[in-house]
Amino acid sequence: MNWVISCHVIVVITLFAAVFYLPRLFVYHAQCKDKISNERFKIMERKLFNGILVPSALLVGVTGFWLLYGFGWAEHPHIIWLHIKLILVLLLYIYMGFCWKFMRDFKHDRNKHSHVFYRWFNEIPSILLIIIIILVFVKPF
């Protein structure tokens, strides 16, 4: 089980690297004015999303379910911190869906948000990560 935990932590770190960087690209993309930069950001966003974020998200899900199964989720349905963590993970996946939508908007040159919006949007995964880490290690409930 330690191998599964190790793999899970590695892909979570990789996922969060992508989740932190993609909206930062949106900030810069929203500020760019020239066609060359616009096209470059489209390529960078697509490669980051498809090459790192999606595979990492899939592996986080697989290793996460493996850990739930190994942990004996069925025998411990009363653990509140784990329920809250899973809800926050679901919110993170919803966040990634918004990233995909914003990336598609940029791809088709129909972005409607300013760089300030994306700066605030970029803070959401930080908040989720902090709460998830506290729940996993402190187990307050």
Protein backbone atom coordinates (compact mmCIF):
# COMPACT_ATOMS: atom_id res chain seq x y z
CA MET A 1 0.00 0.00 0.00
CA ASN A 2 2.97 2.35 0.54
CA TRP A 3 3.70 2.15 -3.20
CA VAL A 4 0.16 3.25 -4.00
CA ILE A 5 0.38 6.11 -1.49
CA SER A 6 3.71 7.18 -3.01
CA CYS A 7 2.30 7.11 -6.53
CA HIS A 8 -0.79 9.02 -5.39
CA VAL A 9 1.31 11.77 -3.79
CA ILE A 10 3.53 12.05 -6.88
CA VAL A 11 0.59 12.45 -9.27
CA VAL A 12 -1.17 14.86 -6.88
CA ILE A 13 1.94 17.06 -6.93
CA THR A 14 2.06 16.84 -10.73
CA LEU A 15 -1.64 17.63 -10.98
CA PHE A 16 -1.37 20.68 -8.76
CA ALA A 17 1.65 21.94 -10.70
CA ALA A 18 -0.53 21.91 -13.83
CA VAL A 19 -3.58 23.32 -12.01
CA PHE A 20 -1.48 26.21 -10.65
CA TYR A 21 0.22 26.95 -13.97
CA LEU A 22 -2.68 26.74 -16.43
CA PRO A 23 -4.69 29.65 -14.95
CA ARG A 24 -1.44 31.63 -14.73
CA LEU A 25 -1.12 31.12 -18.50
CA PHE A 26 -4.70 32.42 -18.78
CA VAL A 27 -3.61 35.61 -16.94
CA TYR A 28 -0.85 36.24 -19.46
CA HIS A 29 -3.00 35.13 -22.40
CA ALA A 30 -5.74 37.60 -21.41
CA GLN A 31 -3.13 40.38 -21.43
CA CYS A 32 -1.51 39.58 -24.79
CA LYS A 33 -2.28 41.79 -27.73
CA ASP A 34 -0.36 40.31 -30.66
CA LYS A 35 -1.29 37.31 -32.82
CA ILE A 36 2.01 35.47 -32.34
CA SER A 37 1.73 35.52 -28.54
CA ASN A 38 -1.94 34.59 -28.76
CA GLU A 39 -1.12 31.48 -30.82
CA ARG A 40 1.82 30.58 -28.57
CA PHE A 41 -0.40 30.67 -25.46
CA LYS A 42 -2.97 28.46 -27.18
CA ILE A 43 -0.30 25.84 -27.84
CA MET A 44 1.13 26.06 -24.31
CA GLU A 45 -2.32 25.73 -22.72
CA ARG A 46 -3.30 22.77 -24.90
CA LYS A 47 -0.05 20.90 -24.26
CA LEU A 48 -0.20 21.52 -20.52
CA PHE A 49 -3.84 20.48 -20.30
CA ASN A 50 -3.67 17.39 -22.52
CA GLY A 51 -0.11 16.33 -21.73
CA ILE A 52 0.06 16.82 -17.96
CA LEU A 53 -3.23 17.86 -16.37
CA VAL A 54 -5.52 15.20 -17.88
CA PRO A 55 -3.15 12.22 -17.37
CA SER A 56 -2.40 13.38 -13.82
CA ALA A 57 -6.09 13.80 -13.04
CA LEU A 58 -6.80 10.29 -14.29
CA LEU A 59 -3.95 8.79 -12.27
CA VAL A 60 -5.02 10.71 -9.15
CA GLY A 61 -8.48 9.21 -9.57
CA VAL A 62 -7.18 5.67 -10.09
CA THR A 63 -4.73 5.75 -7.18
CA GLY A 64 -7.29 7.55 -5.00
CA PHE A 65 -9.92 4.87 -5.55
CA TRP A 66 -7.28 2.21 -4.98
CA LEU A 67 -6.44 3.82 -1.63
CA LEU A 68 -10.13 4.05 -0.72
CA TYR A 69 -10.55 0.38 -1.47
CA GLY A 70 -7.38 -0.56 0.42
CA PHE A 71 -8.33 1.68 3.31
CA GLY A 72 -11.61 -0.15 3.67
CA TRP A 73 -14.01 2.66 2.81
CA ALA A 74 -16.98 0.31 3.27
CA GLU A 75 -15.93 -0.46 6.86
CA HIS A 76 -15.39 3.22 7.77
CA PRO A 77 -18.33 5.21 6.35
CA HIS A 78 -18.47 7.49 9.41
CA ILE A 79 -15.13 9.28 8.84
CA ILE A 80 -16.25 12.87 8.26
CA TRP A 81 -12.85 14.29 7.24
CA LEU A 82 -12.67 11.82 4.37
CA HIS A 83 -16.14 12.79 3.12
CA ILE A 84 -15.18 16.47 3.20
CA LYS A 85 -11.89 15.71 1.40
CA LEU A 86 -13.70 13.80 -1.34
CA ILE A 87 -16.14 16.70 -1.82
CA LEU A 88 -13.17 19.09 -2.14
CA VAL A 89 -11.53 16.75 -4.66
CA LEU A 90 -14.78 16.77 -6.63
CA LEU A 91 -14.69 20.59 -6.54
CA LEU A 92 -11.13 20.43 -7.88
CA TYR A 93 -12.29 18.29 -10.81
CA ILE A 94 -15.10 20.80 -11.45
CA TYR A 95 -12.44 23.55 -11.37
CA MET A 96 -10.50 21.64 -14.02
CA GLY A 97 -13.67 21.54 -16.11
CA PHE A 98 -13.80 25.34 -15.93
CA CYS A 99 -10.13 25.41 -16.97
CA TRP A 100 -11.04 23.31 -20.00
CA LYS A 101 -13.91 25.69 -20.84
CA PHE A 102 -11.70 28.77 -20.53
CA MET A 103 -9.01 27.10 -22.63
CA ARG A 104 -11.61 26.40 -25.34
CA ASP A 105 -12.75 30.02 -25.20
CA PHE A 106 -9.18 31.20 -25.74
CA LYS A 107 -8.72 28.65 -28.54
CA HIS A 108 -11.70 30.13 -30.42
CA ASP A 109 -10.76 33.74 -29.55
CA ARG A 110 -13.88 34.33 -27.47
CA ASN A 111 -12.39 34.97 -24.02
CA LYS A 112 -14.69 37.25 -22.00
CA HIS A 113 -12.62 37.60 -18.81
CA SER A 114 -9.86 39.96 -17.79
CA HIS A 115 -6.47 39.03 -16.41
CA VAL A 116 -7.73 40.11 -12.98
CA PHE A 117 -10.50 37.50 -13.13
CA TYR A 118 -7.93 34.80 -13.90
CA ARG A 119 -5.69 36.00 -11.06
CA TRP A 120 -8.56 35.41 -8.63
CA PHE A 121 -9.55 32.17 -10.35
CA ASN A 122 -5.95 30.99 -9.88
CA GLU A 123 -6.33 31.17 -6.08
CA ILE A 124 -9.08 28.53 -5.84
CA PRO A 125 -6.81 25.45 -6.07
CA SER A 126 -4.52 26.91 -3.40
CA ILE A 127 -7.41 27.12 -0.96
CA LEU A 128 -8.56 23.60 -1.85
CA LEU A 129 -5.04 22.22 -1.43
CA ILE A 130 -4.57 23.80 2.00
CA ILE A 131 -7.86 22.43 3.30
CA ILE A 132 -7.26 18.97 1.80
CA ILE A 133 -3.77 18.72 3.33
CA ILE A 134 -5.10 19.75 6.75
CA LEU A 135 -7.91 17.20 6.51
CA VAL A 136 -5.56 14.38 5.50
CA PHE A 137 -2.88 15.00 8.12
CA VAL A 138 -4.76 16.57 11.03
CA LYS A 139 -8.03 14.61 10.60
CA PRO A 140 -9.98 17.16 12.66
CA PHE A 141 -13.32 15.34 12.38
